[in-house]
Each structure stands twice: as structure tokens, then as C-alpha cells.
């Protein structure tokens, strides 16, 4: 099963060199253990563009779709045998990147 592990951040600061090194080591572990699918860090919410094309024409708006102190800073897509394995991996990922994470299974 595939899981999305979302990294939640609440500060405009980027990862420190130590956090980046720990995250790189965690990524290497995911690959070595066969859990790796894809991962990526995201630019600040201020770089977002929201598109709403539910009406007669598309409306493009700068900035995040919701005002919040927390935002999606990055993510992993992992493979795990079950939710327990995914939660353990996510716990290790949270420790590595020094951020809270959210785990959600793909449908």
C-alpha cells in the first residue's frame, strides 16, 4: 500500500544543515529498505497560485488557499505493508526532519 507522509511546518525558516543531513539519511534508508516511491520539499506558501476553474472561466489567485500558521513544507510517498509500518516510518521521518508529519493512505 502507498502512503502520503506530509511534512507540516509553522515557520518561514528552511531546514538547518543538520536537519537536511538527517533527512537525506532517512531518504537513503527508505530507498535501501524498499519503501521509497517519491519525495519532495515545497517552496514557501507565498509562492503558491490557487486556480478555481469551477465557473465560466479560470480564476488565478496568488498565495495559499487558506490562511494558516502551518503549511505543507514537503512530503514523502512511501510503500509499506500496512499502516503500522507506515506510522513507524513516518515517526522516523518526523525525527529526521524535525517537523510534525501527517500520514494518509492512498485510496
PDB file of N, CA and C in Angstrom:
ATOM      1  N   UNK A   1       0.840  -1.175   0.000  1.00  0.00           N
ATOM      2  CA  UNK A   1       0.000   0.000   0.000  1.00  0.00           C
ATOM      3  C   UNK A   1       0.890   1.245   0.000  1.00  0.00           C
ATOM      4  N   UNK A   2       0.400   2.300  -0.603  1.00  0.00           N
ATOM      5  CA  UNK A   2       1.125   3.572  -0.636  1.00  0.00           C
ATOM      6  C   UNK A   2       0.529   4.543   0.377  1.00  0.00           C
ATOM      7  N   UNK A   3       1.412   5.346   0.971  1.00  0.00           N
ATOM      8  CA  UNK A   3       1.007   6.334   1.962  1.00  0.00           C
ATOM      9  C   UNK A   3       1.660   7.668   1.636  1.00  0.00           C
ATOM     10  N   UNK A   4       0.924   8.741   1.906  1.00  0.00           N
ATOM     11  CA  UNK A   4       1.458  10.095   1.809  1.00  0.00           C
ATOM     12  C   UNK A   4       1.843  10.534   3.211  1.00  0.00           C
ATOM     13  N   UNK A   5       3.094  10.905   3.383  1.00  0.00           N
ATOM     14  CA  UNK A   5       3.577  11.447   4.657  1.00  0.00           C
ATOM     15  C   UNK A   5       3.842  12.927   4.412  1.00  0.00           C
ATOM     16  N   UNK A   6       2.958  13.763   4.938  1.00  0.00           N
ATOM     17  CA  UNK A   6       3.050  15.208   4.738  1.00  0.00           C
ATOM     18  C   UNK A   6       3.849  15.843   5.866  1.00  0.00           C
ATOM     19  N   UNK A   7       4.795  16.688   5.510  1.00  0.00           N
ATOM     20  CA  UNK A   7       5.611  17.395   6.499  1.00  0.00           C
ATOM     21  C   UNK A   7       4.938  18.733   6.788  1.00  0.00           C
ATOM     22  N   UNK A   8       4.627  18.960   8.056  1.00  0.00           N
ATOM     23  CA  UNK A   8       3.909  20.165   8.484  1.00  0.00           C
ATOM     24  C   UNK A   8       4.897  21.104   9.154  1.00  0.00           C
ATOM     25  N   UNK A   9       4.902  22.357   8.699  1.00  0.00           N
ATOM     26  CA  UNK A   9       5.846  23.330   9.253  1.00  0.00           C
ATOM     27  C   UNK A   9       5.082  24.592   9.630  1.00  0.00           C
ATOM     28  N   UNK A  10       5.631  25.368  10.549  1.00  0.00           N
ATOM     29  CA  UNK A  10       4.934  26.573  11.003  1.00  0.00           C
ATOM     30  C   UNK A  10       5.847  27.784  11.090  1.00  0.00           C
ATOM     31  N   UNK A  11       6.925  27.763  10.319  1.00  0.00           N
ATOM     32  CA  UNK A  11       7.886  28.856  10.356  1.00  0.00           C
ATOM     33  C   UNK A  11       8.409  29.098   8.940  1.00  0.00           C
ATOM     34  N   UNK A  12       8.750  30.327   8.606  1.00  0.00           N
ATOM     35  CA  UNK A  12       9.295  30.581   7.267  1.00  0.00           C
ATOM     36  C   UNK A  12      10.731  30.074   7.092  1.00  0.00           C
ATOM     37  N   UNK A  13      11.341  29.595   8.176  1.00  0.00           N
ATOM     38  CA  UNK A  13      12.733  29.153   8.091  1.00  0.00           C
ATOM     39  C   UNK A  13      12.848  27.849   7.311  1.00  0.00           C
ATOM     40  N   UNK A  14      13.979  27.701   6.654  1.00  0.00           N
ATOM     41  CA  UNK A  14      14.275  26.466   5.939  1.00  0.00           C
ATOM     42  C   UNK A  14      14.924  25.478   6.896  1.00  0.00           C
ATOM     43  N   UNK A  15      15.089  24.261   6.434  1.00  0.00           N
ATOM     44  CA  UNK A  15      15.750  23.242   7.248  1.00  0.00           C
ATOM     45  C   UNK A  15      17.196  23.641   7.507  1.00  0.00           C
ATOM     46  N   UNK A  16      17.665  23.312   8.686  1.00  0.00           N
ATOM     47  CA  UNK A  16      19.064  23.566   9.028  1.00  0.00           C
ATOM     48  C   UNK A  16      19.938  22.528   8.325  1.00  0.00           C
ATOM     49  N   UNK A  17      21.242  22.759   8.244  1.00  0.00           N
ATOM     50  CA  UNK A  17      22.123  21.745   7.657  1.00  0.00           C
ATOM     51  C   UNK A  17      22.012  20.387   8.358  1.00  0.00           C
ATOM     52  N   UNK A  18      21.887  20.376   9.681  1.00  0.00           N
ATOM     53  CA  UNK A  18      21.736  19.112  10.412  1.00  0.00           C
ATOM     54  C   UNK A  18      20.427  18.420  10.049  1.00  0.00           C
ATOM     55  N   UNK A  19      19.337  19.190   9.932  1.00  0.00           N
ATOM     56  CA  UNK A  19      18.045  18.611   9.542  1.00  0.00           C
ATOM     57  C   UNK A  19      18.105  18.057   8.117  1.00  0.00           C
ATOM     58  N   UNK A  20      18.778  18.768   7.226  1.00  0.00           N
ATOM     59  CA  UNK A  20      18.916  18.285   5.845  1.00  0.00           C
ATOM     60  C   UNK A  20      19.717  16.988   5.805  1.00  0.00           C
ATOM     61  N   UNK A  21      20.790  16.913   6.573  1.00  0.00           N
ATOM     62  CA  UNK A  21      21.618  15.707   6.608  1.00  0.00           C
ATOM     63  C   UNK A  21      20.821  14.526   7.159  1.00  0.00           C
ATOM     64  N   UNK A  22      20.051  14.761   8.218  1.00  0.00           N
ATOM     65  CA  UNK A  22      19.241  13.691   8.801  1.00  0.00           C
ATOM     66  C   UNK A  22      18.145  13.241   7.833  1.00  0.00           C
ATOM     67  N   UNK A  23      17.561  14.188   7.122  1.00  0.00           N
ATOM     68  CA  UNK A  23      16.532  13.855   6.136  1.00  0.00           C
ATOM     69  C   UNK A  23      17.130  13.081   4.974  1.00  0.00           C
ATOM     70  N   UNK A  24      18.295  13.478   4.507  1.00  0.00           N
ATOM     71  CA  UNK A  24      18.975  12.734   3.438  1.00  0.00           C
ATOM     72  C   UNK A  24      19.267  11.299   3.874  1.00  0.00           C
ATOM     73  N   UNK A  25      19.712  11.121   5.114  1.00  0.00           N
ATOM     74  CA  UNK A  25      19.993   9.773   5.632  1.00  0.00           C
ATOM     75  C   UNK A  25      18.704   8.954   5.711  1.00  0.00           C
ATOM     76  N   UNK A  26      17.612   9.589   6.133  1.00  0.00           N
ATOM     77  CA  UNK A  26      16.319   8.902   6.183  1.00  0.00           C
ATOM     78  C   UNK A  26      15.875   8.504   4.777  1.00  0.00           C
ATOM     79  N   UNK A  27      16.043   9.400   3.807  1.00  0.00           N
ATOM     80  CA  UNK A  27      15.694   9.076   2.414  1.00  0.00           C
ATOM     81  C   UNK A  27      16.503   7.879   1.919  1.00  0.00           C
ATOM     82  N   UNK A  28      17.789   7.861   2.225  1.00  0.00           N
ATOM     83  CA  UNK A  28      18.645   6.734   1.834  1.00  0.00           C
ATOM     84  C   UNK A  28      18.137   5.434   2.456  1.00  0.00           C
ATOM     85  N   UNK A  29      17.715   5.511   3.707  1.00  0.00           N
ATOM     86  CA  UNK A  29      17.176   4.322   4.379  1.00  0.00           C
ATOM     87  C   UNK A  29      15.892   3.848   3.706  1.00  0.00           C
ATOM     88  N   UNK A  30      14.995   4.785   3.377  1.00  0.00           N
ATOM     89  CA  UNK A  30      13.757   4.407   2.690  1.00  0.00           C
ATOM     90  C   UNK A  30      14.071   3.673   1.392  1.00  0.00           C
ATOM     91  N   UNK A  31      15.027   4.183   0.638  1.00  0.00           N
ATOM     92  CA  UNK A  31      15.416   3.538  -0.620  1.00  0.00           C
ATOM     93  C   UNK A  31      16.001   2.154  -0.371  1.00  0.00           C
ATOM     94  N   UNK A  32      16.910   2.049   0.580  1.00  0.00           N
ATOM     95  CA  UNK A  32      17.579   0.780   0.861  1.00  0.00           C
ATOM     96  C   UNK A  32      16.600  -0.292   1.332  1.00  0.00           C
ATOM     97  N   UNK A  33      15.559   0.114   2.063  1.00  0.00           N
ATOM     98  CA  UNK A  33      14.594  -0.839   2.601  1.00  0.00           C
ATOM     99  C   UNK A  33      13.402  -1.080   1.680  1.00  0.00           C
ATOM    100  N   UNK A  34      13.389  -0.437   0.509  1.00  0.00           N
ATOM    101  CA  UNK A  34      12.319  -0.662  -0.462  1.00  0.00           C
ATOM    102  C   UNK A  34      11.025   0.088  -0.201  1.00  0.00           C
ATOM    103  N   UNK A  35      11.066   1.120   0.639  1.00  0.00           N
ATOM    104  CA  UNK A  35       9.864   1.907   0.942  1.00  0.00           C
ATOM    105  C   UNK A  35       9.736   3.156   0.074  1.00  0.00           C
ATOM    106  N   UNK A  36      10.803   3.550  -0.581  1.00  0.00           N
ATOM    107  CA  UNK A  36      10.859   4.809  -1.333  1.00  0.00           C
ATOM    108  C   UNK A  36       9.979   4.748  -2.577  1.00  0.00           C
ATOM    109  N   UNK A  37       9.145   5.750  -2.766  1.00  0.00           N
ATOM    110  CA  UNK A  37       8.433   5.969  -4.025  1.00  0.00           C
ATOM    111  C   UNK A  37       8.838   7.325  -4.584  1.00  0.00           C
ATOM    112  N   UNK A  38       8.640   8.390  -3.776  1.00  0.00           N
ATOM    113  CA  UNK A  38       8.930   9.739  -4.229  1.00  0.00           C
ATOM    114  C   UNK A  38       8.910  10.664  -3.026  1.00  0.00           C
ATOM    115  N   UNK A  39       9.651  11.746  -3.084  1.00  0.00           N
ATOM    116  CA  UNK A  39       9.630  12.755  -2.026  1.00  0.00           C
ATOM    117  C   UNK A  39       9.999  14.099  -2.610  1.00  0.00           C
ATOM    118  N   UNK A  40       9.614  15.152  -1.907  1.00  0.00           N
ATOM    119  CA  UNK A  40       9.985  16.481  -2.356  1.00  0.00           C
ATOM    120  C   UNK A  40       9.707  17.525  -1.302  1.00  0.00           C
ATOM    121  N   UNK A  41      10.508  18.558  -1.333  1.00  0.00           N
ATOM    122  CA  UNK A  41      10.277  19.726  -0.494  1.00  0.00           C
ATOM    123  C   UNK A  41       9.551  20.772  -1.323  1.00  0.00           C
ATOM    124  N   UNK A  42       8.789  21.605  -0.669  1.00  0.00           N
ATOM    125  CA  UNK A  42       7.998  22.615  -1.364  1.00  0.00           C
ATOM    126  C   UNK A  42       8.463  24.024  -0.998  1.00  0.00           C
ATOM    127  N   UNK A  43       8.315  24.937  -1.940  1.00  0.00           N
ATOM    128  CA  UNK A  43       8.639  26.345  -1.698  1.00  0.00           C
ATOM    129  C   UNK A  43       7.622  26.930  -0.713  1.00  0.00           C
ATOM    130  N   UNK A  44       7.910  28.093  -0.213  1.00  0.00           N
ATOM    131  CA  UNK A  44       7.055  28.761   0.771  1.00  0.00           C
ATOM    132  C   UNK A  44       5.640  28.974   0.229  1.00  0.00           C
ATOM    133  N   UNK A  45       4.645  29.005   1.123  1.00  0.00           N
ATOM    134  CA  UNK A  45       3.262  29.219   0.687  1.00  0.00           C
ATOM    135  C   UNK A  45       3.072  30.503  -0.123  1.00  0.00           C
ATOM    136  N   UNK A  46       3.901  31.502   0.110  1.00  0.00           N
ATOM    137  CA  UNK A  46       3.771  32.764  -0.622  1.00  0.00           C
ATOM    138  C   UNK A  46       4.024  32.590  -2.118  1.00  0.00           C
ATOM    139  N   UNK A  47       4.610  31.475  -2.520  1.00  0.00           N
ATOM    140  CA  UNK A  47       4.866  31.226  -3.942  1.00  0.00           C
ATOM    141  C   UNK A  47       3.700  30.506  -4.630  1.00  0.00           C
ATOM    142  N   UNK A  48       2.674  30.149  -3.861  1.00  0.00           N
ATOM    143  CA  UNK A  48       1.552  29.368  -4.395  1.00  0.00           C
ATOM    144  C   UNK A  48       0.648  30.194  -5.295  1.00  0.00           C
ATOM    145  N   UNK A  49       0.016  29.521  -6.229  1.00  0.00           N
ATOM    146  CA  UNK A  49      -1.058  30.084  -7.043  1.00  0.00           C
ATOM    147  C   UNK A  49      -2.249  29.152  -6.935  1.00  0.00           C
ATOM    148  N   UNK A  50      -3.396  29.690  -6.574  1.00  0.00           N
ATOM    149  CA  UNK A  50      -4.623  28.910  -6.467  1.00  0.00           C
ATOM    150  C   UNK A  50      -5.430  29.137  -7.736  1.00  0.00           C
ATOM    151  N   UNK A  51      -5.920  28.051  -8.320  1.00  0.00           N
ATOM    152  CA  UNK A  51      -6.704  28.119  -9.548  1.00  0.00           C
ATOM    153  C   UNK A  51      -8.097  27.563  -9.275  1.00  0.00           C
ATOM    154  N   UNK A  52      -9.115  28.341  -9.606  1.00  0.00           N
ATOM    155  CA  UNK A  52     -10.505  27.900  -9.460  1.00  0.00           C
ATOM    156  C   UNK A  52     -11.173  27.986 -10.825  1.00  0.00           C
ATOM    157  N   UNK A  53     -11.370  26.855 -11.448  1.00  0.00           N
ATOM    158  CA  UNK A  53     -11.985  26.810 -12.775  1.00  0.00           C
ATOM    159  C   UNK A  53     -13.348  26.142 -12.713  1.00  0.00           C
ATOM    160  N   UNK A  54     -14.087  26.410 -11.625  1.00  0.00           N
ATOM    161  CA  UNK A  54     -15.428  25.846 -11.488  1.00  0.00           C
ATOM    162  C   UNK A  54     -16.489  26.710 -12.141  1.00  0.00           C
ATOM    163  N   UNK A  55     -16.151  27.927 -12.497  1.00  0.00           N
ATOM    164  CA  UNK A  55     -17.121  28.843 -13.076  1.00  0.00           C
ATOM    165  C   UNK A  55     -16.953  28.966 -14.581  1.00  0.00           C
ATOM    166  N   UNK A  56     -17.344  30.117 -15.104  1.00  0.00           N
ATOM    167  CA  UNK A  56     -17.295  30.365 -16.549  1.00  0.00           C
ATOM    168  C   UNK A  56     -15.865  30.438 -17.069  1.00  0.00           C
ATOM    169  N   UNK A  57     -14.964  30.921 -16.237  1.00  0.00           N
ATOM    170  CA  UNK A  57     -13.554  30.987 -16.637  1.00  0.00           C
ATOM    171  C   UNK A  57     -12.661  30.789 -15.421  1.00  0.00           C
ATOM    172  N   UNK A  58     -11.422  30.426 -15.666  1.00  0.00           N
ATOM    173  CA  UNK A  58     -10.486  30.155 -14.576  1.00  0.00           C
ATOM    174  C   UNK A  58     -10.108  31.439 -13.850  1.00  0.00           C
ATOM    175  N   UNK A  59     -10.062  31.343 -12.533  1.00  0.00           N
ATOM    176  CA  UNK A  59      -9.651  32.453 -11.691  1.00  0.00           C
ATOM    177  C   UNK A  59      -8.333  32.065 -11.030  1.00  0.00           C
ATOM    178  N   UNK A  60      -7.305  32.875 -11.217  1.00  0.00           N
ATOM    179  CA  UNK A  60      -5.977  32.629 -10.656  1.00  0.00           C
ATOM    180  C   UNK A  60      -5.732  33.625  -9.524  1.00  0.00           C
ATOM    181  N   UNK A  61      -5.348  33.113  -8.350  1.00  0.00           N
ATOM    182  CA  UNK A  61      -5.120  33.951  -7.181  1.00  0.00           C
ATOM    183  C   UNK A  61      -3.753  33.626  -6.589  1.00  0.00           C
ATOM    184  N   UNK A  62      -2.995  34.655  -6.254  1.00  0.00           N
ATOM    185  CA  UNK A  62      -1.699  34.440  -5.607  1.00  0.00           C
ATOM    186  C   UNK A  62      -1.894  34.018  -4.161  1.00  0.00           C
ATOM    187  N   UNK A  63      -0.965  33.216  -3.679  1.00  0.00           N
ATOM    188  CA  UNK A  63      -0.951  32.851  -2.267  1.00  0.00           C
ATOM    189  C   UNK A  63      -1.677  31.562  -1.967  1.00  0.00           C
ATOM    190  N   UNK A  64      -1.550  31.098  -0.748  1.00  0.00           N
ATOM    191  CA  UNK A  64      -2.163  29.827  -0.358  1.00  0.00           C
ATOM    192  C   UNK A  64      -3.680  29.917  -0.341  1.00  0.00           C
ATOM    193  N   UNK A  65      -4.306  28.764  -0.460  1.00  0.00           N
ATOM    194  CA  UNK A  65      -5.767  28.724  -0.493  1.00  0.00           C
ATOM    195  C   UNK A  65      -6.389  28.945   0.871  1.00  0.00           C
ATOM    196  N   UNK A  66      -5.595  28.847   1.929  1.00  0.00           N
ATOM    197  CA  UNK A  66      -6.113  29.059   3.277  1.00  0.00           C
ATOM    198  C   UNK A  66      -5.042  29.794   4.095  1.00  0.00           C
ATOM    199  N   UNK A  67      -5.469  30.712   4.924  1.00  0.00           N
ATOM    200  CA  UNK A  67      -4.539  31.411   5.810  1.00  0.00           C
ATOM    201  C   UNK A  67      -4.322  30.565   7.052  1.00  0.00           C
ATOM    202  N   UNK A  68      -3.102  30.213   7.313  1.00  0.00           N
ATOM    203  CA  UNK A  68      -2.786  29.351   8.448  1.00  0.00           C
ATOM    204  C   UNK A  68      -1.336  29.555   8.844  1.00  0.00           C
ATOM    205  N   UNK A  69      -1.031  29.297  10.099  1.00  0.00           N
ATOM    206  CA  UNK A  69       0.358  29.362  10.547  1.00  0.00           C
ATOM    207  C   UNK A  69       1.112  28.123  10.097  1.00  0.00           C
ATOM    208  N   UNK A  70       0.392  27.018   9.902  1.00  0.00           N
ATOM    209  CA  UNK A  70       1.015  25.772   9.462  1.00  0.00           C
ATOM    210  C   UNK A  70       0.818  25.605   7.963  1.00  0.00           C
ATOM    211  N   UNK A  71       1.769  24.948   7.342  1.00  0.00           N
ATOM    212  CA  UNK A  71       1.666  24.716   5.908  1.00  0.00           C
ATOM    213  C   UNK A  71       2.397  23.440   5.536  1.00  0.00           C
ATOM    214  N   UNK A  72       2.093  22.935   4.349  1.00  0.00           N
ATOM    215  CA  UNK A  72       2.735  21.750   3.816  1.00  0.00           C
ATOM    216  C   UNK A  72       4.108  22.145   3.302  1.00  0.00           C
ATOM    217  N   UNK A  73       5.159  21.642   3.965  1.00  0.00           N
ATOM    218  CA  UNK A  73       6.530  22.018   3.616  1.00  0.00           C
ATOM    219  C   UNK A  73       7.194  20.998   2.708  1.00  0.00           C
ATOM    220  N   UNK A  74       6.672  19.797   2.684  1.00  0.00           N
ATOM    221  CA  UNK A  74       7.241  18.735   1.862  1.00  0.00           C
ATOM    222  C   UNK A  74       6.475  17.456   2.095  1.00  0.00           C
ATOM    223  N   UNK A  75       6.918  16.384   1.463  1.00  0.00           N
ATOM    224  CA  UNK A  75       6.186  15.128   1.591  1.00  0.00           C
ATOM    225  C   UNK A  75       7.050  13.953   1.150  1.00  0.00           C
ATOM    226  N   UNK A  76       6.639  12.788   1.591  1.00  0.00           N
ATOM    227  CA  UNK A  76       7.150  11.522   1.082  1.00  0.00           C
ATOM    228  C   UNK A  76       5.952  10.716   0.606  1.00  0.00           C
ATOM    229  N   UNK A  77       6.114   9.986  -0.458  1.00  0.00           N
ATOM    230  CA  UNK A  77       5.186   8.926  -0.837  1.00  0.00           C
ATOM    231  C   UNK A  77       5.966   7.639  -0.600  1.00  0.00           C
ATOM    232  N   UNK A  78       5.441   6.798   0.283  1.00  0.00           N
ATOM    233  CA  UNK A  78       6.152   5.583   0.656  1.00  0.00           C
ATOM    234  C   UNK A  78       5.298   4.349   0.379  1.00  0.00           C
ATOM    235  N   UNK A  79       5.980   3.210   0.277  1.00  0.00           N
ATOM    236  CA  UNK A  79       5.324   1.909   0.216  1.00  0.00           C
ATOM    237  C   UNK A  79       5.521   1.245   1.568  1.00  0.00           C
ATOM    238  N   UNK A  80       4.445   0.683   2.121  1.00  0.00           N
ATOM    239  CA  UNK A  80       4.546  -0.033   3.388  1.00  0.00           C
ATOM    240  C   UNK A  80       3.526  -1.168   3.380  1.00  0.00           C
ATOM    241  N   UNK A  81       3.851  -2.233   4.064  1.00  0.00           N
ATOM    242  CA  UNK A  81       2.981  -3.404   4.101  1.00  0.00           C
ATOM    243  C   UNK A  81       1.638  -3.103   4.756  1.00  0.00           C
ATOM    244  N   UNK A  82       1.643  -2.214   5.742  1.00  0.00           N
ATOM    245  CA  UNK A  82       0.397  -1.857   6.431  1.00  0.00           C
ATOM    246  C   UNK A  82       0.584  -0.519   7.150  1.00  0.00           C
ATOM    247  N   UNK A  83      -0.490  -0.070   7.788  1.00  0.00           N
ATOM    248  CA  UNK A  83      -0.459   1.228   8.458  1.00  0.00           C
ATOM    249  C   UNK A  83       0.559   1.264   9.592  1.00  0.00           C
ATOM    250  N   UNK A  84       0.713   0.176  10.322  1.00  0.00           N
ATOM    251  CA  UNK A  84       1.685   0.162  11.419  1.00  0.00           C
ATOM    252  C   UNK A  84       3.102   0.441  10.912  1.00  0.00           C
ATOM    253  N   UNK A  85       3.472  -0.170   9.809  1.00  0.00           N
ATOM    254  CA  UNK A  85       4.799   0.070   9.223  1.00  0.00           C
ATOM    255  C   UNK A  85       4.901   1.519   8.762  1.00  0.00           C
ATOM    256  N   UNK A  86       3.853   2.017   8.111  1.00  0.00           N
ATOM    257  CA  UNK A  86       3.858   3.406   7.636  1.00  0.00           C
ATOM    258  C   UNK A  86       4.000   4.389   8.797  1.00  0.00           C
ATOM    259  N   UNK A  87       3.312   4.120   9.891  1.00  0.00           N
ATOM    260  CA  UNK A  87       3.389   5.013  11.052  1.00  0.00           C
ATOM    261  C   UNK A  87       4.782   4.994  11.679  1.00  0.00           C
ATOM    262  N   UNK A  88       5.408   3.837  11.730  1.00  0.00           N
ATOM    263  CA  UNK A  88       6.778   3.750  12.260  1.00  0.00           C
ATOM    264  C   UNK A  88       7.746   4.531  11.378  1.00  0.00           C
ATOM    265  N   UNK A  89       7.614   4.347  10.054  1.00  0.00           N
ATOM    266  CA  UNK A  89       8.477   5.094   9.132  1.00  0.00           C
ATOM    267  C   UNK A  89       8.232   6.595   9.254  1.00  0.00           C
ATOM    268  N   UNK A  90       6.963   6.991   9.343  1.00  0.00           N
ATOM    269  CA  UNK A  90       6.631   8.413   9.472  1.00  0.00           C
ATOM    270  C   UNK A  90       7.190   8.988  10.762  1.00  0.00           C
ATOM    271  N   UNK A  91       7.157   8.204  11.829  1.00  0.00           N
ATOM    272  CA  UNK A  91       7.731   8.647  13.103  1.00  0.00           C
ATOM    273  C   UNK A  91       9.222   8.910  12.946  1.00  0.00           C
ATOM    274  N   UNK A  92       9.911   8.009  12.247  1.00  0.00           N
ATOM    275  CA  UNK A  92      11.339   8.199  11.995  1.00  0.00           C
ATOM    276  C   UNK A  92      11.587   9.407  11.095  1.00  0.00           C
ATOM    277  N   UNK A  93      10.698   9.621  10.122  1.00  0.00           N
ATOM    278  CA  UNK A  93      10.810  10.790   9.249  1.00  0.00           C
ATOM    279  C   UNK A  93      10.600  12.088  10.004  1.00  0.00           C
ATOM    280  N   UNK A  94       9.655  12.094  10.924  1.00  0.00           N
ATOM    281  CA  UNK A  94       9.410  13.272  11.756  1.00  0.00           C
ATOM    282  C   UNK A  94      10.645  13.615  12.579  1.00  0.00           C
ATOM    283  N   UNK A  95      11.276  12.597  13.118  1.00  0.00           N
ATOM    284  CA  UNK A  95      12.502  12.802  13.903  1.00  0.00           C
ATOM    285  C   UNK A  95      13.611  13.359  13.014  1.00  0.00           C
ATOM    286  N   UNK A  96      13.741  12.794  11.805  1.00  0.00           N
ATOM    287  CA  UNK A  96      14.813  13.212  10.895  1.00  0.00           C
ATOM    288  C   UNK A  96      14.667  14.668  10.460  1.00  0.00           C
ATOM    289  N   UNK A  97      13.460  15.061  10.062  1.00  0.00           N
ATOM    290  CA  UNK A  97      13.279  16.427   9.542  1.00  0.00           C
ATOM    291  C   UNK A  97      12.939  17.433  10.630  1.00  0.00           C
ATOM    292  N   UNK A  98      12.693  16.936  11.855  1.00  0.00           N
ATOM    293  CA  UNK A  98      12.390  17.798  12.995  1.00  0.00           C
ATOM    294  C   UNK A  98      11.112  18.610  12.767  1.00  0.00           C
ATOM    295  N   UNK A  99      10.128  17.953  12.190  1.00  0.00           N
ATOM    296  CA  UNK A  99       8.826  18.567  11.921  1.00  0.00           C
ATOM    297  C   UNK A  99       7.732  17.551  12.259  1.00  0.00           C
ATOM    298  N   UNK A 100       6.524  18.044  12.467  1.00  0.00           N
ATOM    299  CA  UNK A 100       5.374  17.142  12.595  1.00  0.00           C
ATOM    300  C   UNK A 100       5.036  16.602  11.209  1.00  0.00           C
ATOM    301  N   UNK A 101       4.477  15.406  11.170  1.00  0.00           N
ATOM    302  CA  UNK A 101       4.055  14.827   9.897  1.00  0.00           C
ATOM    303  C   UNK A 101       2.649  14.257  10.037  1.00  0.00           C
ATOM    304  N   UNK A 102       1.989  14.128   8.913  1.00  0.00           N
ATOM    305  CA  UNK A 102       0.661  13.515   8.843  1.00  0.00           C
ATOM    306  C   UNK A 102       0.746  12.348   7.879  1.00  0.00           C
ATOM    307  N   UNK A 103       0.122  11.221   8.205  1.00  0.00           N
ATOM    308  CA  UNK A 103       0.144  10.027   7.352  1.00  0.00           C
ATOM    309  C   UNK A 103      -1.268   9.768   6.837  1.00  0.00           C
ATOM    310  N   UNK A 104      -1.369   9.572   5.521  1.00  0.00           N
ATOM    311  CA  UNK A 104      -2.661   9.238   4.920  1.00  0.00           C
ATOM    312  C   UNK A 104      -2.454   8.192   3.839  1.00  0.00           C
ATOM    313  N   UNK A 105      -3.298   7.135   3.848  1.00  0.00           N
ATOM    314  CA  UNK A 105      -3.190   6.122   2.805  1.00  0.00           C
ATOM    315  C   UNK A 105      -3.788   6.641   1.501  1.00  0.00           C
ATOM    316  N   UNK A 106      -3.232   6.159   0.396  1.00  0.00           N
ATOM    317  CA  UNK A 106      -3.846   6.415  -0.905  1.00  0.00           C
ATOM    318  C   UNK A 106      -5.049   5.505  -1.045  1.00  0.00           C
ATOM    319  N   UNK A 107      -6.070   5.951  -1.731  1.00  0.00           N
ATOM    320  CA  UNK A 107      -7.257   5.122  -1.985  1.00  0.00           C
ATOM    321  C   UNK A 107      -6.966   4.132  -3.092  1.00  0.00           C
TER     322      UNK A 107
END
